[in-house]
Protein backbone atom coordinates (compact mmCIF):
# COMPACT_ATOMS: atom_id res chain seq x y z
CA MET A 1 0.00 0.00 0.00
CA ALA A 2 1.11 3.57 -0.59
CA TRP A 3 1.28 5.69 2.53
CA SER A 4 -1.39 8.10 1.31
CA GLU A 5 -3.99 5.35 0.89
CA VAL A 6 -4.38 4.87 4.64
CA LEU A 7 -6.32 7.19 6.92
CA VAL A 8 -4.90 6.72 10.40
CA GLY A 9 -7.61 7.06 13.02
CA ALA A 10 -7.94 6.56 16.76
CA GLU A 11 -8.79 2.86 16.41
CA ALA A 12 -5.66 2.18 14.32
CA GLU A 13 -3.54 4.12 16.80
CA ALA A 14 -4.90 2.02 19.66
CA ASN A 15 -4.72 -1.41 18.00
CA TRP A 16 -1.47 -1.42 16.05
CA ARG A 17 0.48 -4.04 17.95
CA GLY A 18 -1.07 -7.08 16.29
CA GLU A 19 -0.57 -5.58 12.83
CA TYR A 20 3.04 -4.75 13.68
CA ALA A 21 3.74 -8.33 14.76
CA ALA A 22 2.02 -9.77 11.67
CA LYS A 23 4.04 -7.61 9.27
CA GLN A 24 7.46 -8.55 10.64
CA ILE A 25 9.60 -10.50 8.17
CA SER A 26 13.14 -11.86 8.13
CA LEU A 27 15.96 -10.71 5.87
CA ASP A 28 15.50 -13.84 3.74
CA GLN A 29 11.75 -13.19 3.46
CA LEU A 30 12.46 -9.66 2.28
CA PHE A 31 14.23 -11.08 -0.76
CA GLU A 32 11.90 -14.04 -1.24
CA GLN A 33 8.69 -12.00 -1.10
CA HIS A 34 9.61 -8.46 -2.17
CA VAL A 35 13.02 -7.83 -3.73
CA THR A 36 12.94 -10.58 -6.34
CA GLY A 37 14.44 -8.77 -9.35
CA GLY A 38 13.49 -5.92 -11.65
CA GLN A 39 12.61 -3.50 -8.84
CA ARG A 40 13.30 0.19 -8.50
CA ILE A 41 14.22 0.78 -4.86
CA TYR A 42 14.85 3.83 -2.68
CA PHE A 43 17.29 3.40 0.23
CA GLY A 44 17.50 6.96 1.56
CA GLY A 45 20.86 8.34 2.63
CA LEU A 46 23.35 8.60 5.49
CA HIS A 47 21.61 6.28 7.97
CA VAL A 48 20.79 3.54 5.45
CA PRO A 49 20.09 -0.12 6.31
CA ASN A 50 23.61 -1.40 5.67
CA THR A 51 22.72 -5.05 6.26
CA VAL A 52 19.98 -4.98 3.62
CA VAL A 53 22.12 -3.10 1.09
CA ASN A 54 25.00 -5.55 1.45
CA GLU A 55 22.68 -8.53 1.20
CA LEU A 56 21.18 -7.07 -1.97
CA LEU A 57 24.63 -6.63 -3.51
CA ARG A 58 25.59 -10.17 -2.53
CA ARG A 59 22.48 -11.67 -4.10
CA VAL A 60 22.95 -9.65 -7.28
CA ARG A 61 26.48 -10.92 -7.67
CA GLU A 62 26.24 -14.46 -6.32
CA GLU A 63 22.63 -15.51 -6.92
CA GLY A 64 21.74 -13.81 -10.19
CA LEU A 65 19.33 -11.18 -8.85
CA SER A 66 19.07 -8.71 -11.74
CA GLY A 67 17.39 -5.60 -13.09
CA ILE A 68 17.80 -3.73 -9.80
CA ASP A 69 17.87 0.08 -9.88
CA ILE A 70 18.40 1.86 -6.58
CA TRP A 71 18.26 5.53 -5.61
CA ALA A 72 20.09 6.80 -2.54
CA ASN A 73 22.69 9.30 -1.42
CA TRP A 74 25.79 9.31 0.76
CA MET A 75 25.46 5.84 2.25
CA ASN A 76 27.29 5.88 5.57
CA GLY A 77 28.71 2.75 7.12
CA SER A 78 30.26 -0.40 5.73
CA ILE A 79 28.88 -0.89 2.24
CA ASP A 80 30.85 -3.64 0.46
CA LEU A 81 31.35 -2.00 -2.91
CA ASN A 82 33.74 -4.79 -3.89
CA LEU A 83 30.54 -6.70 -4.60
CA MET A 84 30.02 -4.33 -7.55
CA ASP A 85 33.30 -5.20 -9.26
CA VAL A 86 31.87 -7.42 -11.98
CA LEU A 87 28.35 -6.04 -12.19
CA SER A 88 27.02 -4.48 -15.37
CA PRO A 89 24.59 -1.55 -15.38
CA ASP A 90 21.73 -3.63 -16.79
CA VAL A 91 22.03 -5.99 -13.81
CA PHE A 92 22.44 -3.35 -11.09
CA ARG A 93 22.57 0.44 -11.12
CA TYR A 94 22.93 2.84 -8.21
CA HIS A 95 21.72 6.39 -8.93
CA THR A 96 23.03 8.82 -6.32
CA TYR A 97 22.34 12.52 -5.87
CA PHE A 98 25.03 13.16 -3.24
CA ALA A 99 28.30 11.23 -3.05
CA GLY A 100 30.25 10.22 0.01
CA PRO A 101 33.24 7.86 0.20
CA ASN A 102 31.19 4.78 -0.71
CA GLU A 103 29.71 6.41 -3.80
CA ARG A 104 33.03 7.83 -4.95
CA ALA A 105 34.53 4.36 -4.79
CA GLY A 106 31.76 3.09 -7.06
CA PHE A 107 31.85 5.78 -9.76
CA GLY A 108 32.93 4.31 -13.07
CA ARG A 109 31.35 0.99 -12.19
CA CYS A 110 27.67 0.80 -11.32
CA VAL A 111 27.27 4.13 -9.53
CA SER A 112 26.11 7.19 -11.50
CA HIS A 113 25.44 10.73 -10.37
CA VAL A 114 22.09 12.53 -10.66
CA PRO A 115 22.56 16.34 -10.72
CA VAL A 116 19.81 17.88 -8.57
CA HIS A 117 19.39 20.56 -5.94
CA PHE A 118 18.21 19.27 -2.57
CA SER A 119 15.08 21.39 -2.87
CA ASP A 120 14.14 19.32 -5.95
CA VAL A 121 14.87 15.84 -4.55
CA TRP A 122 11.22 15.09 -3.77
CA SER A 123 10.16 15.95 -7.34
CA MET A 124 13.07 13.95 -8.76
CA LEU A 125 12.16 10.86 -6.76
CA ALA A 126 8.47 11.20 -7.61
CA ALA A 127 9.41 10.87 -11.27
CA GLN A 128 11.25 7.54 -10.78
CA ASN A 129 8.25 5.18 -10.45
CA LEU A 130 9.76 3.62 -7.32
CA ASP A 131 8.56 0.17 -6.34
CA TYR A 132 9.95 0.18 -2.81
CA ALA A 133 11.31 2.48 -0.18
CA ILE A 134 13.50 0.42 2.17
CA VAL A 135 14.63 2.74 4.93
CA GLN A 136 15.60 2.72 8.57
CA MET A 137 12.94 3.71 11.09
CA THR A 138 12.63 3.78 14.85
CA PRO A 139 10.47 1.20 16.64
CA PRO A 140 6.82 2.29 16.92
CA ASN A 141 5.88 4.66 19.74
CA GLU A 142 2.87 4.13 22.00
CA LYS A 143 0.49 5.20 19.19
CA GLY A 144 2.13 3.00 16.57
CA TYR A 145 4.18 5.61 14.73
CA CYS A 146 7.69 4.86 13.47
CA ASN A 147 10.07 7.75 12.75
CA ILE A 148 12.61 8.05 9.91
CA GLY A 149 15.13 9.99 12.01
CA PRO A 150 17.15 13.09 11.01
CA VAL A 151 17.10 12.63 7.23
CA GLY A 152 15.15 15.28 5.31
CA PHE A 153 15.66 13.71 1.88
CA VAL A 154 13.91 10.44 2.88
CA PRO A 155 10.27 11.67 2.86
CA GLY A 156 10.42 12.27 -0.90
CA GLY A 157 11.36 8.63 -1.51
CA VAL A 158 9.03 7.13 1.09
CA ARG A 159 6.02 9.06 -0.15
CA SER A 160 6.76 8.35 -3.79
CA ALA A 161 7.20 4.57 -3.47
CA LYS A 162 4.46 2.01 -4.03
CA ARG A 163 5.51 0.01 -0.96
CA ILE A 164 7.38 0.84 2.24
CA ILE A 165 9.69 -1.54 4.10
CA ALA A 166 10.85 -0.27 7.50
CA CYS A 167 14.17 -1.58 8.81
CA VAL A 168 13.56 -1.08 12.51
CA ASN A 169 16.64 0.24 14.30
CA PRO A 170 16.32 1.16 17.99
CA ASN A 171 19.54 3.21 17.75
CA LEU A 172 18.02 5.72 15.33
CA PRO A 173 17.02 9.02 16.98
CA ARG A 174 13.33 9.87 16.93
CA VAL A 175 13.03 13.48 15.79
CA PHE A 176 10.35 16.11 15.50
CA GLY A 177 9.53 16.83 11.87
CA ASP A 178 6.86 17.63 9.31
CA THR A 179 6.99 14.35 7.36
CA HIS A 180 8.96 12.04 9.65
CA ASP A 181 6.31 9.85 11.36
CA TYR A 182 4.71 6.82 9.66
CA HIS A 183 2.07 4.63 11.25
CA VAL A 184 2.36 0.84 11.32
CA SER A 185 -0.73 0.71 9.10
CA GLN A 186 1.07 2.77 6.43
CA ILE A 187 4.03 0.39 6.21
CA ASP A 188 4.00 -2.89 4.26
CA ALA A 189 6.61 -4.87 6.19
CA PHE A 190 9.13 -4.59 9.01
CA VAL A 191 12.62 -6.06 9.18
CA LEU A 192 13.99 -5.88 12.73
CA GLN A 193 17.60 -4.91 12.08
CA PRO A 194 19.50 -3.07 14.84
CA GLU A 195 22.58 -1.31 13.48
CA ALA A 196 25.11 1.04 15.02
CA LEU A 197 24.88 4.56 13.64
CA ASP A 198 27.89 5.89 11.80
CA VAL A 199 29.85 8.18 14.11
CA VAL A 200 31.66 11.00 12.32
CA PRO A 201 34.42 12.59 14.41
CA VAL A 202 34.85 16.36 14.52
CA VAL A 203 38.33 17.22 13.21
CA ALA A 204 40.25 20.07 14.81
CA PRO A 205 40.41 23.10 12.47
CA THR A 206 43.66 24.30 10.93
CA SER A 207 45.12 27.72 11.65
CA GLU A 208 43.97 28.87 8.19
CA GLU A 209 40.44 27.69 8.86
CA LEU A 210 40.42 29.49 12.20
CA LYS A 211 41.46 32.74 10.48
CA VAL A 212 38.67 32.39 7.90
CA ALA A 213 36.25 31.77 10.77
CA GLU A 214 37.43 34.89 12.58
CA LEU A 215 36.87 37.08 9.51
CA VAL A 216 33.41 35.69 8.78
CA THR A 217 32.27 35.84 12.39
CA GLU A 218 33.03 39.58 12.47
CA ARG A 219 30.14 39.99 10.02
CA VAL A 220 27.65 37.97 12.07
CA ASN A 221 25.48 40.01 14.42
CA ASP A 222 23.66 39.04 17.59
CA GLY A 223 20.18 37.87 16.64
CA ASP A 224 21.11 36.62 13.15
CA THR A 225 19.94 33.23 11.88
CA VAL A 226 22.75 30.98 10.64
CA GLN A 227 23.20 28.19 8.12
CA LEU A 228 26.44 26.21 8.15
CA GLY A 229 27.60 23.76 5.51
CA ILE A 230 29.91 20.76 5.78
CA GLY A 231 33.61 20.75 6.61
CA GLY A 232 36.35 22.14 8.80
CA ILE A 233 35.70 25.80 8.01
CA SER A 234 32.03 25.53 8.91
CA ASP A 235 32.94 23.80 12.17
CA ALA A 236 35.54 26.49 12.92
CA ILE A 237 32.99 29.23 12.24
CA GLY A 238 30.52 27.48 14.51
CA GLU A 239 33.05 27.45 17.32
CA SER A 240 33.87 31.13 16.83
CA LEU A 241 30.16 32.00 17.03
CA LYS A 242 30.27 31.32 20.78
CA SER A 243 30.87 35.05 21.24
CA LYS A 244 27.43 35.84 19.80
CA ARG A 245 24.00 35.95 21.44
CA HIS A 246 20.41 35.08 20.49
CA LEU A 247 21.28 33.35 17.21
CA GLY A 248 18.74 31.38 15.23
CA CYS A 249 19.26 28.29 13.10
CA HIS A 250 17.83 27.30 9.72
CA THR A 251 20.25 24.91 8.08
CA GLU A 252 20.59 22.00 5.68
CA MET A 253 22.89 20.15 8.11
CA TYR A 254 22.32 20.28 11.86
CA SER A 255 25.80 19.43 13.14
CA ASP A 256 27.73 18.78 16.34
CA VAL A 257 28.94 22.37 16.46
CA LEU A 258 25.33 23.62 16.36
CA VAL A 259 24.48 21.31 19.25
CA GLY A 260 27.23 22.99 21.28
CA LEU A 261 25.94 26.45 20.42
CA GLN A 262 22.37 25.52 21.32
CA GLN A 263 23.33 23.84 24.59
CA ALA A 264 25.37 26.93 25.52
CA GLY A 265 22.38 29.19 24.86
CA VAL A 266 24.08 31.00 21.96
CA ILE A 267 21.41 29.61 19.66
CA ASP A 268 18.06 30.27 21.33
CA ASN A 269 16.02 31.09 18.20
CA SER A 270 14.35 33.93 20.08
CA ARG A 271 14.71 36.48 17.27
CA LYS A 272 13.90 34.37 14.24
CA SER A 273 11.30 35.79 11.86
CA PHE A 274 10.41 32.31 10.55
CA MET A 275 9.64 29.41 12.91
CA PRO A 276 10.86 31.24 16.03
CA GLY A 277 11.76 29.20 19.07
CA VAL A 278 13.17 26.17 17.24
CA SER A 279 16.22 25.24 15.20
CA VAL A 280 15.28 23.97 11.74
CA GLY A 281 17.48 21.36 10.09
CA GLY A 282 17.48 18.97 7.16
CA TYR A 283 19.72 16.15 8.31
CA SER A 284 22.20 15.16 11.00
CA THR A 285 25.15 12.82 11.12
CA GLY A 286 27.97 13.06 13.62
CA SER A 287 28.74 12.03 17.18
CA GLN A 288 26.68 10.07 19.69
CA ARG A 289 26.31 13.36 21.58
CA LEU A 290 24.52 14.78 18.53
CA TYR A 291 22.21 11.77 18.21
CA ASP A 292 21.36 11.90 21.90
CA TYR A 293 20.63 15.63 21.76
CA ILE A 294 18.23 15.54 18.82
CA ASN A 295 16.38 12.44 20.08
CA GLU A 296 12.82 13.53 20.96
CA ASN A 297 13.99 17.15 21.31
CA PRO A 298 11.21 19.58 20.34
CA GLU A 299 13.69 22.45 20.16
CA VAL A 300 15.23 20.96 16.99
CA GLN A 301 12.75 20.46 14.15
CA PHE A 302 13.69 18.49 11.05
CA ARG A 303 12.00 19.24 7.75
CA SER A 304 11.89 17.57 4.36
CA TYR A 305 14.26 19.14 1.86
CA ASN A 306 11.53 20.53 -0.35
CA MET A 307 10.83 22.81 2.61
CA VAL A 308 14.13 23.42 4.46
CA CYS A 309 16.08 23.97 1.21
CA ASN A 310 13.34 25.81 -0.69
CA PRO A 311 14.83 29.23 -1.59
CA ASN A 312 11.45 30.90 -1.02
CA VAL A 313 11.25 29.42 2.49
CA ILE A 314 14.90 30.23 3.21
CA ALA A 315 14.21 33.86 2.31
CA LYS A 316 11.56 34.07 5.05
CA ASN A 317 14.42 34.11 7.57
CA ASP A 318 15.40 37.74 8.05
CA ASN A 319 19.09 38.42 8.72
CA LEU A 320 20.09 34.96 7.55
CA VAL A 321 23.83 34.32 7.34
CA SER A 322 24.51 31.44 4.94
CA ILE A 323 28.02 29.94 5.01
CA ASN A 324 29.15 27.29 2.53
CA THR A 325 32.42 26.17 1.05
CA ALA A 326 33.90 25.27 -2.34
CA VAL A 327 36.49 23.27 -4.24
CA SER A 328 37.37 26.15 -6.56
CA ILE A 329 36.22 29.65 -7.52
CA ASP A 330 37.10 31.34 -10.79
CA LEU A 331 37.95 35.01 -11.19
CA THR A 332 34.42 35.90 -12.28
CA GLY A 333 32.85 34.29 -9.19
CA GLN A 334 31.68 30.93 -10.52
CA VAL A 335 31.77 28.34 -7.73
CA CYS A 336 32.53 24.65 -8.05
CA ALA A 337 31.74 22.85 -4.81
CA GLU A 338 31.20 19.29 -6.00
CA SER A 339 33.72 18.05 -8.55
CA ILE A 340 37.44 17.94 -9.17
CA GLY A 341 37.47 18.75 -12.84
CA SER A 342 35.11 16.24 -14.41
CA ARG A 343 35.43 13.78 -11.49
CA GLN A 344 32.32 13.97 -9.35
CA TYR A 345 33.28 14.27 -5.67
CA SER A 346 30.12 15.21 -3.76
CA ALA A 347 27.09 17.08 -5.17
CA SER A 348 25.26 20.40 -5.37
CA GLY A 349 23.36 19.54 -2.19
CA GLY A 350 21.61 22.62 -0.86
CA GLN A 351 24.35 25.16 -1.57
CA PHE A 352 22.68 26.87 -4.51
CA ASP A 353 19.31 26.77 -2.72
CA PHE A 354 20.81 28.77 0.15
CA VAL A 355 22.81 31.07 -2.15
CA ARG A 356 19.56 32.00 -3.89
CA GLY A 357 17.48 32.07 -0.71
CA VAL A 358 19.82 34.31 1.30
CA LYS A 359 19.92 36.75 -1.60
CA HIS A 360 16.24 37.51 -0.90
CA SER A 361 16.46 37.42 2.89
CA GLU A 362 15.88 40.82 4.47
CA GLY A 363 19.33 41.71 5.81
CA GLY A 364 20.75 38.38 4.63
CA ARG A 365 24.42 37.74 3.88
CA GLY A 366 25.83 34.82 1.91
CA PHE A 367 29.43 33.56 2.19
CA ILE A 368 31.51 31.06 0.27
CA ALA A 369 34.34 30.40 2.72
CA VAL A 370 37.54 28.57 1.73
CA THR A 371 41.16 28.36 2.67
CA SER A 372 43.21 29.89 -0.11
CA VAL A 373 45.19 26.77 -1.07
CA ALA A 374 44.46 23.10 -1.67
CA HIS A 375 47.34 20.78 -0.84
CA THR A 376 47.52 18.11 -3.56
CA LYS A 377 49.97 15.37 -4.51
CA LYS A 378 51.40 17.77 -7.08
CA GLY A 379 51.86 20.55 -4.55
CA PRO A 380 49.80 23.55 -3.42
CA VAL A 381 47.04 24.76 -5.77
CA SER A 382 45.18 28.04 -5.47
CA LYS A 383 41.45 27.58 -4.87
CA ILE A 384 40.92 30.91 -6.60
CA ALA A 385 41.67 30.13 -10.22
CA PRO A 386 41.59 32.05 -13.51
CA ILE A 387 39.05 29.53 -14.82
CA LEU A 388 37.53 26.39 -13.36
CA ALA A 389 39.25 23.16 -14.33
CA PRO A 390 37.81 21.59 -17.52
CA GLY A 391 34.71 19.57 -16.73
CA SER A 392 34.06 21.27 -13.39
CA ALA A 393 30.44 21.52 -12.31
CA VAL A 394 29.26 25.08 -11.64
CA THR A 395 27.42 24.70 -8.34
CA SER A 396 26.62 28.36 -7.68
CA LEU A 397 26.32 31.06 -10.31
CA ARG A 398 28.40 34.21 -10.30
CA ASN A 399 25.22 36.28 -10.67
CA ASP A 400 24.10 35.22 -7.18
CA LEU A 401 27.34 35.30 -5.21
CA GLN A 402 27.89 37.87 -2.49
CA TYR A 403 30.95 37.28 -0.30
CA VAL A 404 34.00 35.06 -0.80
CA ALA A 405 36.18 34.61 2.29
CA THR A 406 39.69 33.22 2.69
CA GLU A 407 42.23 33.63 5.50
CA TYR A 408 43.44 36.75 3.65
CA GLY A 409 40.18 38.67 3.65
CA ILE A 410 36.64 38.91 2.33
CA ALA A 411 35.75 39.93 -1.22
CA ASP A 412 32.33 41.47 -1.84
CA LEU A 413 31.21 40.49 -5.35
CA ARG A 414 27.62 41.73 -5.21
CA TRP A 415 26.95 44.05 -8.17
CA ALA A 416 30.68 44.19 -9.02
CA ASP A 417 31.77 44.19 -12.68
CA LEU A 418 34.13 41.48 -13.92
CA GLU A 419 37.31 43.53 -13.53
CA THR A 420 36.42 44.52 -9.98
CA ARG A 421 35.52 40.93 -9.14
CA ALA A 422 38.83 39.63 -10.47
CA LYS A 423 40.84 42.23 -8.55
CA ARG A 424 38.98 41.60 -5.31
CA LEU A 425 39.35 37.83 -5.59
CA ILE A 426 43.06 38.12 -6.40
CA SER A 427 43.51 40.29 -3.31
CA ILE A 428 42.32 37.45 -1.03
CA ALA A 429 44.20 34.66 -2.85
CA HIS A 430 47.37 33.25 -1.34
CA PRO A 431 50.21 35.75 -1.91
CA ASP A 432 52.27 33.15 -3.75
CA PHE A 433 49.63 32.99 -6.52
CA ARG A 434 48.58 36.64 -6.86
CA ALA A 435 51.10 37.58 -9.57
CA GLU A 436 50.17 34.56 -11.66
CA LEU A 437 46.46 35.22 -11.23
CA THR A 438 46.93 38.86 -12.24
CA HIS A 439 48.91 37.79 -15.31
CA GLU A 440 46.18 35.33 -16.34
CA ALA A 441 43.43 37.87 -15.67
CA LYS A 442 45.13 40.31 -18.06
CA LYS A 443 45.55 37.62 -20.72
CA MET A 444 41.82 36.84 -20.43
CA GLY A 445 40.89 40.51 -20.70
CA LEU A 446 39.35 40.59 -17.23
CA VAL A 447 41.88 43.15 -15.97
CA ILE A 448 43.09 46.00 -18.15
């Protein structure tokens, strides 16, 4: 049954236990009765049912299960991608819209990237004619509702699939959200599969990252609402925000550093213009401290990505400070945050959604924050480049960019012409690369 076909009433809420027991199946029964070949399956992202995914890959390779298409993103945990070594795309294909280490290891084999903004994930999944959503959920509560945990991209897959299989994991946090609870009567089968959540350690920031954080934090005011992206710079900025007061939070990723700010009272959401009183997030992955904090915490509200990453919704937050990072930025302000040349590394995620949304926030400020140099096997490379490397994905458009920050300063690109942009970006590049960048800018006709 599709979730929308069931009207959950008081009687169903009171008498769910027998139905829950009757719908429980084993891992073998899942593949004997449901995943038998030729299905299009959604597995969610981050907190995926690793045991089921690995069993699927094993059966595809060793038992001839074929015609499987799956959709997911950034599968955390121990996915045995070696099982994909000899698979052909007509036998098994994994379509991902955000890559982590597991996906990157599978590119060029059976993993392919789907370019999509997080705000459009629900619409993208609705177009896939999904047979199953097989996702982790909490055990039912006293009224018979399971919860999908802190994963805002999952509702689009669950509500688009013809059938729902819940992999019940008591370690998954139960969160408050707009589309996160599903009644036993709305779910087709349950596989009881406890799994440890992936714990992502917080890495200490570098001195360069701390300097970037210091410069950005100077432009954050008490009472602002913040959005932080992924990575060391975002974590460093979060730490430096401890000097602020009465901050709000509306963010794609609700991270460990935001937990610290909220526990310390720095984030109290008291001055937010949109959804005051609560932090709004899309997803969480991190430490056990993070999982414990968000579990049944009404002060942190998770939303599906078609809401939390919707630029029109983002713009409802007055004085929003959006902070994201990048792989490379060219001298006109084009941002690549997801590929290394033509090699897909991560994805667009919600960066462009927030770049566009903050542009229309009353008093909003948008930052792309990077350290000036990438340290590669071939030596240091300037992240501010004359042009993006061939094949690079343009994640955020130069027309929408406002501030670019490095450890050497902040360049304001809003309404600046190309020559001014190039000069301002060169001024915050690493000193060792400024002469070369100026030379290339003149050759390109950007600087007279």
